[in-house]
Amino acid sequence: MNLFFRLIKILLRCIGAKRVGIHTATRISLRVWPNDLDLNFHVNNGRYLSLADIGRIDYFIRSGLFELARRQRAFPIVGDAIAKFRRDLKLFERFEIETRLLGWDHKWGFMEHRFIKNGRVIGVVAIRGVFRAADGPLDPGVFLSGLNLQEDSPPLPQWLQEWTQSCESLTSTLRGEEARTDSGA
């Protein structure tokens, strides 16, 4: 099944769905289709990122973040992603994606997508992203205040702090390489 059809299914499911709080995890149920598979006949690692997008859209709509972004003329952008694969998903197997907000800092929002089969976490995709408006990225704390959320981020797990530091380090490295290339070095 094409991702577009899965997206339509999720969007239709969101019509009239119960609103969830920002700290509530959402779940969607899916099935593995032939176009999800790689040459090893299990779900392609890149497909996990695309499926996580669908889980995130469901979360954004049901939590009210989509409507808030629309009012602020902002759109979500993933800056970085990390994936951990524990078990594979094979053709026609059913699975769920549980999506939750892990927290935020002054720039990034952090989300986790857990791929679950038979009650067991078989993979995890984590992202850090922003909502970008015409003037640039929105501070997540300020953005979330549009949902009457006046609180600090939950403490970020140690692995997430370490990962985001490594992302910043890589960003600095890439900027340095670009500067050398732009200066003709």
N, C-alpha and C. Protein backbone atom coordinates (compact mmCIF):
# COMPACT_ATOMS: atom_id res chain seq x y z
N MET A 1 0.85 -1.18 0.00
CA MET A 1 0.00 0.00 0.00
C MET A 1 0.89 1.23 0.00
N ASN A 2 0.62 2.13 -0.88
CA ASN A 2 1.37 3.36 -0.99
C ASN A 2 1.24 4.19 0.28
N LEU A 3 2.29 4.93 0.64
CA LEU A 3 2.23 5.78 1.84
C LEU A 3 1.12 6.82 1.74
N PHE A 4 0.83 7.27 0.52
CA PHE A 4 -0.23 8.24 0.33
C PHE A 4 -1.57 7.69 0.81
N PHE A 5 -1.87 6.44 0.50
CA PHE A 5 -3.13 5.84 0.93
C PHE A 5 -3.16 5.65 2.45
N ARG A 6 -2.02 5.30 3.02
CA ARG A 6 -1.94 5.20 4.48
C ARG A 6 -2.20 6.56 5.12
N LEU A 7 -1.63 7.60 4.53
CA LEU A 7 -1.84 8.95 5.04
C LEU A 7 -3.32 9.32 4.99
N ILE A 8 -3.97 9.04 3.88
CA ILE A 8 -5.41 9.33 3.76
C ILE A 8 -6.18 8.58 4.84
N LYS A 9 -5.84 7.31 5.05
CA LYS A 9 -6.51 6.51 6.07
C LYS A 9 -6.37 7.16 7.45
N ILE A 10 -5.17 7.61 7.76
CA ILE A 10 -4.92 8.23 9.07
C ILE A 10 -5.67 9.56 9.16
N LEU A 11 -5.66 10.34 8.09
CA LEU A 11 -6.37 11.62 8.12
C LEU A 11 -7.87 11.40 8.32
N LEU A 12 -8.43 10.41 7.65
CA LEU A 12 -9.86 10.11 7.83
C LEU A 12 -10.13 9.65 9.26
N ARG A 13 -9.21 8.89 9.81
CA ARG A 13 -9.38 8.41 11.18
C ARG A 13 -9.36 9.57 12.18
N CYS A 14 -8.64 10.63 11.84
CA CYS A 14 -8.53 11.79 12.74
C CYS A 14 -9.82 12.61 12.79
N ILE A 15 -10.66 12.48 11.77
CA ILE A 15 -11.91 13.24 11.75
C ILE A 15 -12.76 12.78 12.93
N GLY A 16 -13.03 13.67 13.80
CA GLY A 16 -13.85 13.36 14.97
C GLY A 16 -13.14 12.57 16.05
N ALA A 17 -11.84 12.32 15.87
CA ALA A 17 -11.09 11.56 16.90
C ALA A 17 -10.93 12.39 18.16
N LYS A 18 -10.84 11.72 19.25
CA LYS A 18 -10.67 12.37 20.54
C LYS A 18 -9.34 13.12 20.58
N ARG A 19 -9.39 14.34 21.06
CA ARG A 19 -8.18 15.16 21.22
C ARG A 19 -7.34 14.58 22.35
N VAL A 20 -6.03 14.61 22.19
CA VAL A 20 -5.13 14.11 23.22
C VAL A 20 -4.28 15.25 23.76
N GLY A 21 -3.82 15.10 24.98
CA GLY A 21 -2.92 16.08 25.57
C GLY A 21 -1.54 15.98 24.94
N ILE A 22 -0.79 17.03 25.08
CA ILE A 22 0.53 17.12 24.46
C ILE A 22 1.48 16.03 24.97
N HIS A 23 1.27 15.57 26.19
CA HIS A 23 2.14 14.54 26.76
C HIS A 23 1.57 13.13 26.62
N THR A 24 0.49 13.00 25.85
CA THR A 24 -0.14 11.70 25.63
C THR A 24 0.41 11.07 24.36
N ALA A 25 0.76 9.81 24.43
CA ALA A 25 1.23 9.09 23.24
C ALA A 25 0.03 8.71 22.38
N THR A 26 0.22 8.75 21.07
CA THR A 26 -0.82 8.28 20.14
C THR A 26 -0.34 6.99 19.50
N ARG A 27 -1.29 6.20 19.03
CA ARG A 27 -0.96 4.92 18.37
C ARG A 27 -1.74 4.79 17.09
N ILE A 28 -1.04 4.30 16.08
CA ILE A 28 -1.71 3.94 14.83
C ILE A 28 -1.34 2.49 14.53
N SER A 29 -2.26 1.78 13.90
CA SER A 29 -2.04 0.39 13.51
C SER A 29 -1.86 0.31 12.01
N LEU A 30 -0.85 -0.43 11.59
CA LEU A 30 -0.55 -0.58 10.17
C LEU A 30 -0.20 -2.03 9.87
N ARG A 31 -0.01 -2.31 8.59
CA ARG A 31 0.38 -3.63 8.13
C ARG A 31 1.52 -3.45 7.12
N VAL A 32 2.42 -4.42 7.07
CA VAL A 32 3.53 -4.39 6.12
C VAL A 32 3.02 -4.81 4.74
N TRP A 33 3.31 -4.00 3.73
CA TRP A 33 2.91 -4.29 2.35
C TRP A 33 4.15 -4.54 1.50
N PRO A 34 3.99 -5.15 0.33
CA PRO A 34 5.15 -5.49 -0.50
C PRO A 34 6.08 -4.32 -0.82
N ASN A 35 5.53 -3.12 -1.03
CA ASN A 35 6.40 -1.99 -1.36
C ASN A 35 7.14 -1.43 -0.15
N ASP A 36 6.95 -2.00 1.03
CA ASP A 36 7.71 -1.61 2.22
C ASP A 36 9.02 -2.39 2.33
N LEU A 37 9.16 -3.44 1.53
CA LEU A 37 10.24 -4.39 1.71
C LEU A 37 11.50 -4.03 0.92
N ASP A 38 12.64 -4.48 1.45
CA ASP A 38 13.90 -4.35 0.74
C ASP A 38 14.30 -5.70 0.16
N LEU A 39 15.52 -5.84 -0.29
CA LEU A 39 15.97 -7.10 -0.90
C LEU A 39 16.05 -8.25 0.09
N ASN A 40 16.06 -7.95 1.39
CA ASN A 40 16.06 -8.99 2.42
C ASN A 40 14.65 -9.40 2.82
N PHE A 41 13.66 -8.86 2.13
CA PHE A 41 12.24 -9.16 2.37
C PHE A 41 11.77 -8.79 3.77
N HIS A 42 12.34 -7.70 4.30
CA HIS A 42 11.78 -7.10 5.51
C HIS A 42 11.69 -5.59 5.28
N VAL A 43 11.04 -4.88 6.20
CA VAL A 43 10.81 -3.46 6.00
C VAL A 43 12.15 -2.74 5.84
N ASN A 44 12.23 -1.98 4.78
CA ASN A 44 13.40 -1.19 4.45
C ASN A 44 13.66 -0.17 5.56
N ASN A 45 14.93 0.04 5.91
CA ASN A 45 15.24 0.97 7.00
C ASN A 45 14.75 2.39 6.71
N GLY A 46 14.79 2.81 5.46
CA GLY A 46 14.28 4.14 5.12
C GLY A 46 12.78 4.24 5.26
N ARG A 47 12.08 3.13 5.09
CA ARG A 47 10.63 3.12 5.21
C ARG A 47 10.20 3.43 6.65
N TYR A 48 11.02 3.02 7.62
CA TYR A 48 10.70 3.33 9.01
C TYR A 48 10.56 4.84 9.21
N LEU A 49 11.45 5.61 8.58
CA LEU A 49 11.38 7.07 8.71
C LEU A 49 10.10 7.62 8.09
N SER A 50 9.72 7.06 6.94
CA SER A 50 8.48 7.50 6.28
C SER A 50 7.25 7.12 7.09
N LEU A 51 7.26 5.93 7.66
CA LEU A 51 6.13 5.51 8.51
C LEU A 51 6.06 6.36 9.77
N ALA A 52 7.22 6.75 10.31
CA ALA A 52 7.23 7.63 11.48
C ALA A 52 6.57 8.97 11.13
N ASP A 53 6.76 9.45 9.89
CA ASP A 53 6.09 10.68 9.46
C ASP A 53 4.58 10.57 9.62
N ILE A 54 4.04 9.43 9.25
CA ILE A 54 2.59 9.23 9.35
C ILE A 54 2.16 9.24 10.81
N GLY A 55 2.93 8.58 11.66
CA GLY A 55 2.63 8.62 13.09
C GLY A 55 2.68 10.03 13.65
N ARG A 56 3.64 10.81 13.16
CA ARG A 56 3.79 12.20 13.63
C ARG A 56 2.62 13.06 13.18
N ILE A 57 2.15 12.86 11.96
CA ILE A 57 0.99 13.62 11.46
C ILE A 57 -0.23 13.33 12.32
N ASP A 58 -0.45 12.05 12.62
CA ASP A 58 -1.57 11.68 13.50
C ASP A 58 -1.44 12.39 14.85
N TYR A 59 -0.23 12.38 15.41
CA TYR A 59 -0.01 13.04 16.71
C TYR A 59 -0.26 14.54 16.60
N PHE A 60 0.26 15.17 15.56
CA PHE A 60 0.09 16.62 15.40
C PHE A 60 -1.38 17.00 15.30
N ILE A 61 -2.15 16.25 14.55
CA ILE A 61 -3.57 16.56 14.40
C ILE A 61 -4.30 16.34 15.71
N ARG A 62 -4.11 15.19 16.33
CA ARG A 62 -4.87 14.84 17.53
C ARG A 62 -4.48 15.67 18.75
N SER A 63 -3.24 16.16 18.79
CA SER A 63 -2.81 16.97 19.94
C SER A 63 -3.13 18.45 19.77
N GLY A 64 -3.54 18.85 18.57
CA GLY A 64 -3.83 20.25 18.32
C GLY A 64 -2.64 21.02 17.76
N LEU A 65 -1.49 20.39 17.63
CA LEU A 65 -0.31 21.09 17.11
C LEU A 65 -0.49 21.48 15.64
N PHE A 66 -1.17 20.66 14.87
CA PHE A 66 -1.40 20.97 13.46
C PHE A 66 -2.21 22.26 13.32
N GLU A 67 -3.29 22.36 14.07
CA GLU A 67 -4.14 23.56 14.01
C GLU A 67 -3.38 24.78 14.50
N LEU A 68 -2.61 24.62 15.57
CA LEU A 68 -1.80 25.72 16.10
C LEU A 68 -0.80 26.19 15.05
N ALA A 69 -0.13 25.25 14.39
CA ALA A 69 0.83 25.61 13.35
C ALA A 69 0.14 26.32 12.19
N ARG A 70 -1.04 25.84 11.83
CA ARG A 70 -1.79 26.48 10.74
C ARG A 70 -2.11 27.93 11.08
N ARG A 71 -2.56 28.16 12.33
CA ARG A 71 -2.88 29.53 12.76
C ARG A 71 -1.65 30.43 12.74
N GLN A 72 -0.49 29.86 13.02
CA GLN A 72 0.74 30.66 13.05
C GLN A 72 1.48 30.62 11.72
N ARG A 73 0.85 30.01 10.72
CA ARG A 73 1.46 29.89 9.39
C ARG A 73 2.86 29.27 9.48
N ALA A 74 2.93 28.20 10.24
CA ALA A 74 4.19 27.48 10.45
C ALA A 74 4.03 26.05 9.95
N PHE A 75 5.14 25.42 9.67
CA PHE A 75 5.10 24.02 9.24
C PHE A 75 6.25 23.28 9.89
N PRO A 76 6.04 21.98 10.15
CA PRO A 76 7.08 21.21 10.84
C PRO A 76 8.20 20.79 9.90
N ILE A 77 9.41 20.81 10.44
CA ILE A 77 10.59 20.37 9.69
C ILE A 77 11.41 19.47 10.61
N VAL A 78 11.77 18.31 10.10
CA VAL A 78 12.67 17.42 10.84
C VAL A 78 14.09 17.85 10.54
N GLY A 79 14.86 18.09 11.60
CA GLY A 79 16.26 18.48 11.43
C GLY A 79 17.19 17.28 11.45
N ASP A 80 16.90 16.32 12.31
CA ASP A 80 17.74 15.15 12.47
C ASP A 80 16.87 13.97 12.88
N ALA A 81 17.34 12.78 12.55
CA ALA A 81 16.63 11.55 12.93
C ALA A 81 17.65 10.49 13.28
N ILE A 82 17.25 9.62 14.18
CA ILE A 82 18.07 8.48 14.56
C ILE A 82 17.14 7.27 14.65
N ALA A 83 17.65 6.12 14.29
CA ALA A 83 16.81 4.92 14.31
C ALA A 83 17.57 3.78 14.98
N LYS A 84 16.83 2.97 15.70
CA LYS A 84 17.35 1.76 16.33
C LYS A 84 16.43 0.62 15.91
N PHE A 85 17.02 -0.41 15.30
CA PHE A 85 16.26 -1.56 14.84
C PHE A 85 16.60 -2.76 15.72
N ARG A 86 15.57 -3.38 16.30
CA ARG A 86 15.77 -4.53 17.19
C ARG A 86 15.32 -5.83 16.57
N ARG A 87 14.23 -5.82 15.85
CA ARG A 87 13.68 -7.00 15.19
C ARG A 87 13.12 -6.53 13.86
N ASP A 88 12.94 -7.46 12.93
CA ASP A 88 12.44 -7.04 11.62
C ASP A 88 10.92 -7.20 11.51
N LEU A 89 10.39 -6.50 10.54
CA LEU A 89 8.98 -6.61 10.17
C LEU A 89 8.92 -7.23 8.80
N LYS A 90 8.09 -8.27 8.67
CA LYS A 90 7.99 -9.00 7.41
C LYS A 90 6.62 -8.80 6.77
N LEU A 91 6.52 -9.24 5.54
CA LEU A 91 5.34 -9.05 4.71
C LEU A 91 4.04 -9.43 5.44
N PHE A 92 3.09 -8.53 5.39
CA PHE A 92 1.73 -8.66 5.91
C PHE A 92 1.63 -8.67 7.43
N GLU A 93 2.74 -8.50 8.14
CA GLU A 93 2.65 -8.44 9.60
C GLU A 93 2.00 -7.13 10.02
N ARG A 94 1.22 -7.23 11.09
CA ARG A 94 0.61 -6.03 11.69
C ARG A 94 1.56 -5.47 12.73
N PHE A 95 1.55 -4.15 12.87
CA PHE A 95 2.36 -3.47 13.87
C PHE A 95 1.71 -2.15 14.22
N GLU A 96 2.18 -1.55 15.27
CA GLU A 96 1.69 -0.24 15.70
C GLU A 96 2.86 0.73 15.78
N ILE A 97 2.54 2.00 15.63
CA ILE A 97 3.53 3.05 15.88
C ILE A 97 2.98 3.90 17.00
N GLU A 98 3.73 3.96 18.08
CA GLU A 98 3.38 4.81 19.22
C GLU A 98 4.25 6.06 19.13
N THR A 99 3.62 7.22 19.08
CA THR A 99 4.32 8.49 18.92
C THR A 99 4.11 9.34 20.16
N ARG A 100 5.22 9.91 20.65
CA ARG A 100 5.10 10.79 21.81
C ARG A 100 6.14 11.89 21.76
N LEU A 101 5.82 12.98 22.41
CA LEU A 101 6.73 14.11 22.57
C LEU A 101 7.62 13.81 23.77
N LEU A 102 8.93 13.81 23.55
CA LEU A 102 9.86 13.57 24.66
C LEU A 102 10.15 14.84 25.43
N GLY A 103 10.15 15.97 24.74
CA GLY A 103 10.44 17.25 25.39
C GLY A 103 10.94 18.25 24.36
N TRP A 104 11.53 19.34 24.87
CA TRP A 104 12.01 20.40 23.99
C TRP A 104 13.08 21.20 24.70
N ASP A 105 13.83 21.95 23.90
CA ASP A 105 14.78 22.92 24.44
C ASP A 105 14.46 24.26 23.80
N HIS A 106 15.40 25.19 23.78
CA HIS A 106 15.14 26.52 23.23
C HIS A 106 14.92 26.53 21.72
N LYS A 107 15.35 25.46 21.03
CA LYS A 107 15.23 25.42 19.57
C LYS A 107 14.47 24.21 19.05
N TRP A 108 14.71 23.05 19.63
CA TRP A 108 14.22 21.80 19.07
C TRP A 108 13.11 21.16 19.91
N GLY A 109 12.20 20.49 19.21
CA GLY A 109 11.26 19.58 19.84
C GLY A 109 11.74 18.17 19.55
N PHE A 110 11.60 17.28 20.52
CA PHE A 110 12.10 15.91 20.39
C PHE A 110 10.93 14.93 20.47
N MET A 111 10.84 14.06 19.46
CA MET A 111 9.75 13.09 19.41
C MET A 111 10.32 11.69 19.23
N GLU A 112 9.54 10.73 19.72
CA GLU A 112 9.92 9.33 19.62
C GLU A 112 8.78 8.55 18.97
N HIS A 113 9.16 7.64 18.09
CA HIS A 113 8.20 6.74 17.43
C HIS A 113 8.65 5.32 17.75
N ARG A 114 7.82 4.60 18.48
CA ARG A 114 8.13 3.21 18.81
C ARG A 114 7.33 2.30 17.90
N PHE A 115 8.02 1.41 17.22
CA PHE A 115 7.38 0.41 16.37
C PHE A 115 7.18 -0.83 17.23
N ILE A 116 5.93 -1.24 17.35
CA ILE A 116 5.56 -2.30 18.29
C ILE A 116 4.85 -3.43 17.54
N LYS A 117 5.31 -4.65 17.79
CA LYS A 117 4.67 -5.84 17.23
C LYS A 117 4.46 -6.83 18.37
N ASN A 118 3.23 -7.28 18.54
CA ASN A 118 2.89 -8.24 19.59
C ASN A 118 3.36 -7.75 20.97
N GLY A 119 3.18 -6.47 21.24
CA GLY A 119 3.52 -5.91 22.53
C GLY A 119 5.00 -5.66 22.76
N ARG A 120 5.82 -5.90 21.77
CA ARG A 120 7.27 -5.76 21.92
C ARG A 120 7.80 -4.63 21.03
N VAL A 121 8.65 -3.78 21.58
CA VAL A 121 9.27 -2.70 20.80
C VAL A 121 10.31 -3.34 19.88
N ILE A 122 10.10 -3.19 18.58
CA ILE A 122 11.02 -3.78 17.62
C ILE A 122 11.90 -2.74 16.92
N GLY A 123 11.56 -1.49 17.11
CA GLY A 123 12.35 -0.42 16.52
C GLY A 123 11.93 0.92 17.09
N VAL A 124 12.83 1.87 17.04
CA VAL A 124 12.56 3.21 17.53
C VAL A 124 13.15 4.22 16.55
N VAL A 125 12.37 5.23 16.22
CA VAL A 125 12.86 6.38 15.46
C VAL A 125 12.65 7.59 16.34
N ALA A 126 13.71 8.35 16.54
CA ALA A 126 13.62 9.61 17.28
C ALA A 126 13.99 10.75 16.34
N ILE A 127 13.33 11.86 16.49
CA ILE A 127 13.63 13.02 15.64
C ILE A 127 13.76 14.25 16.52
N ARG A 128 14.47 15.22 16.00
CA ARG A 128 14.40 16.55 16.56
C ARG A 128 13.99 17.46 15.42
N GLY A 129 13.04 18.31 15.71
CA GLY A 129 12.49 19.14 14.65
C GLY A 129 12.03 20.48 15.17
N VAL A 130 11.64 21.31 14.25
CA VAL A 130 11.17 22.65 14.57
C VAL A 130 9.87 22.92 13.80
N PHE A 131 9.14 23.91 14.27
CA PHE A 131 8.07 24.49 13.48
C PHE A 131 8.62 25.80 12.94
N ARG A 132 8.61 25.94 11.61
CA ARG A 132 9.18 27.12 10.97
C ARG A 132 8.05 28.01 10.45
N ALA A 133 8.15 29.28 10.81
CA ALA A 133 7.23 30.29 10.31
C ALA A 133 8.00 31.18 9.32
N ALA A 134 7.37 32.22 8.80
CA ALA A 134 8.02 33.09 7.82
C ALA A 134 9.29 33.73 8.38
N ASP A 135 9.30 34.00 9.68
CA ASP A 135 10.46 34.65 10.31
C ASP A 135 11.52 33.66 10.77
N GLY A 136 11.30 32.37 10.55
CA GLY A 136 12.27 31.37 10.96
C GLY A 136 11.68 30.40 11.97
N PRO A 137 12.55 29.58 12.56
CA PRO A 137 12.07 28.57 13.53
C PRO A 137 11.43 29.21 14.76
N LEU A 138 10.39 28.58 15.26
CA LEU A 138 9.71 29.06 16.46
C LEU A 138 10.30 28.37 17.68
N ASP A 139 10.49 29.12 18.75
CA ASP A 139 10.92 28.54 20.03
C ASP A 139 9.83 27.58 20.48
N PRO A 140 10.16 26.31 20.71
CA PRO A 140 9.11 25.33 21.07
C PRO A 140 8.30 25.72 22.31
N GLY A 141 8.94 26.27 23.31
CA GLY A 141 8.21 26.67 24.52
C GLY A 141 7.19 27.75 24.22
N VAL A 142 7.57 28.73 23.40
CA VAL A 142 6.66 29.81 23.01
C VAL A 142 5.56 29.25 22.12
N PHE A 143 5.93 28.40 21.18
CA PHE A 143 4.95 27.78 20.28
C PHE A 143 3.90 27.00 21.07
N LEU A 144 4.36 26.18 22.02
CA LEU A 144 3.43 25.36 22.80
C LEU A 144 2.54 26.18 23.72
N SER A 145 2.95 27.39 24.04
CA SER A 145 2.09 28.24 24.87
C SER A 145 0.79 28.56 24.14
N GLY A 146 0.76 28.40 22.82
CA GLY A 146 -0.47 28.57 22.06
C GLY A 146 -1.51 27.51 22.37
N LEU A 147 -1.08 26.43 23.04
CA LEU A 147 -2.01 25.40 23.50
C LEU A 147 -2.30 25.57 24.99
N ASN A 148 -2.01 26.75 25.49
CA ASN A 148 -2.15 27.05 26.92
C ASN A 148 -1.27 26.14 27.77
N LEU A 149 -0.14 25.77 27.23
CA LEU A 149 0.83 24.94 27.94
C LEU A 149 1.89 25.87 28.50
N GLN A 150 1.84 26.08 29.78
CA GLN A 150 2.77 26.99 30.44
C GLN A 150 3.67 26.21 31.37
N GLU A 151 4.47 25.34 30.80
CA GLU A 151 5.34 24.51 31.62
C GLU A 151 6.67 24.30 30.92
N ASP A 152 7.64 23.87 31.68
CA ASP A 152 8.93 23.54 31.11
C ASP A 152 8.87 22.14 30.51
N SER A 153 9.86 21.85 29.69
CA SER A 153 9.97 20.52 29.11
C SER A 153 10.21 19.49 30.19
N PRO A 154 9.68 18.29 30.00
CA PRO A 154 10.09 17.20 30.89
C PRO A 154 11.60 17.00 30.73
N PRO A 155 12.27 16.45 31.74
CA PRO A 155 13.71 16.19 31.59
C PRO A 155 13.97 15.28 30.40
N LEU A 156 14.96 15.66 29.60
CA LEU A 156 15.31 14.86 28.43
C LEU A 156 16.19 13.70 28.86
N PRO A 157 15.93 12.49 28.32
CA PRO A 157 16.77 11.33 28.68
C PRO A 157 18.23 11.58 28.29
N GLN A 158 19.13 10.95 29.01
CA GLN A 158 20.56 11.12 28.77
C GLN A 158 20.95 10.78 27.33
N TRP A 159 20.42 9.68 26.79
CA TRP A 159 20.78 9.31 25.42
C TRP A 159 20.38 10.39 24.43
N LEU A 160 19.26 11.07 24.71
CA LEU A 160 18.78 12.13 23.82
C LEU A 160 19.67 13.35 23.90
N GLN A 161 20.10 13.69 25.11
CA GLN A 161 21.02 14.82 25.27
C GLN A 161 22.34 14.56 24.54
N GLU A 162 22.85 13.33 24.67
CA GLU A 162 24.10 12.97 24.00
C GLU A 162 23.93 12.99 22.48
N TRP A 163 22.80 12.49 22.01
CA TRP A 163 22.55 12.48 20.57
C TRP A 163 22.46 13.90 20.03
N THR A 164 21.74 14.78 20.72
CA THR A 164 21.59 16.14 20.21
C THR A 164 22.93 16.88 20.23
N GLN A 165 23.78 16.58 21.21
CA GLN A 165 25.12 17.17 21.22
C GLN A 165 25.92 16.69 20.01
N SER A 166 25.79 15.42 19.66
CA SER A 166 26.52 14.91 18.49
C SER A 166 25.97 15.53 17.20
N CYS A 167 24.67 15.79 17.15
CA CYS A 167 24.09 16.46 15.98
C CYS A 167 24.66 17.87 15.85
N GLU A 168 24.76 18.57 16.96
CA GLU A 168 25.33 19.92 16.93
C GLU A 168 26.78 19.89 16.49
N SER A 169 27.53 18.89 16.95
CA SER A 169 28.93 18.75 16.57
C SER A 169 29.05 18.50 15.06
N LEU A 170 28.21 17.63 14.52
CA LEU A 170 28.23 17.37 13.09
C LEU A 170 27.85 18.62 12.31
N THR A 171 26.86 19.37 12.79
CA THR A 171 26.47 20.62 12.13
C THR A 171 27.65 21.58 12.08
N SER A 172 28.37 21.71 13.18
CA SER A 172 29.55 22.59 13.20
C SER A 172 30.60 22.13 12.21
N THR A 173 30.82 20.82 12.15
CA THR A 173 31.80 20.27 11.20
C THR A 173 31.40 20.60 9.77
N LEU A 174 30.13 20.39 9.44
CA LEU A 174 29.66 20.66 8.08
C LEU A 174 29.76 22.15 7.73
N ARG A 175 29.44 23.01 8.68
CA ARG A 175 29.57 24.46 8.44
C ARG A 175 31.02 24.83 8.19
N GLY A 176 31.94 24.22 8.96
CA GLY A 176 33.36 24.47 8.75
C GLY A 176 33.81 24.04 7.37
N GLU A 177 33.34 22.86 6.92
CA GLU A 177 33.68 22.38 5.58
C GLU A 177 33.14 23.32 4.51
N GLU A 178 31.92 23.81 4.69
CA GLU A 178 31.32 24.72 3.73
C GLU A 178 32.10 26.04 3.67
N ALA A 179 32.51 26.52 4.85
CA ALA A 179 33.27 27.77 4.90
C ALA A 179 34.58 27.64 4.15
N ARG A 180 35.25 26.51 4.32
CA ARG A 180 36.52 26.29 3.61
C ARG A 180 36.29 26.19 2.11
N THR A 181 35.19 25.52 1.72
CA THR A 181 34.87 25.38 0.29
C THR A 181 34.51 26.72 -0.29
N ASP A 182 33.69 27.51 0.44
CA ASP A 182 33.27 28.83 -0.06
C ASP A 182 34.43 29.80 -0.18
N SER A 183 35.45 29.65 0.69
CA SER A 183 36.59 30.57 0.67
C SER A 183 37.66 30.11 -0.33
N GLY A 184 37.42 28.96 -0.98
CA GLY A 184 38.34 28.47 -1.98
C GLY A 184 39.50 27.68 -1.41
N ALA A 185 39.43 27.32 -0.15
CA ALA A 185 40.53 26.57 0.47
C ALA A 185 40.54 25.13 0.03
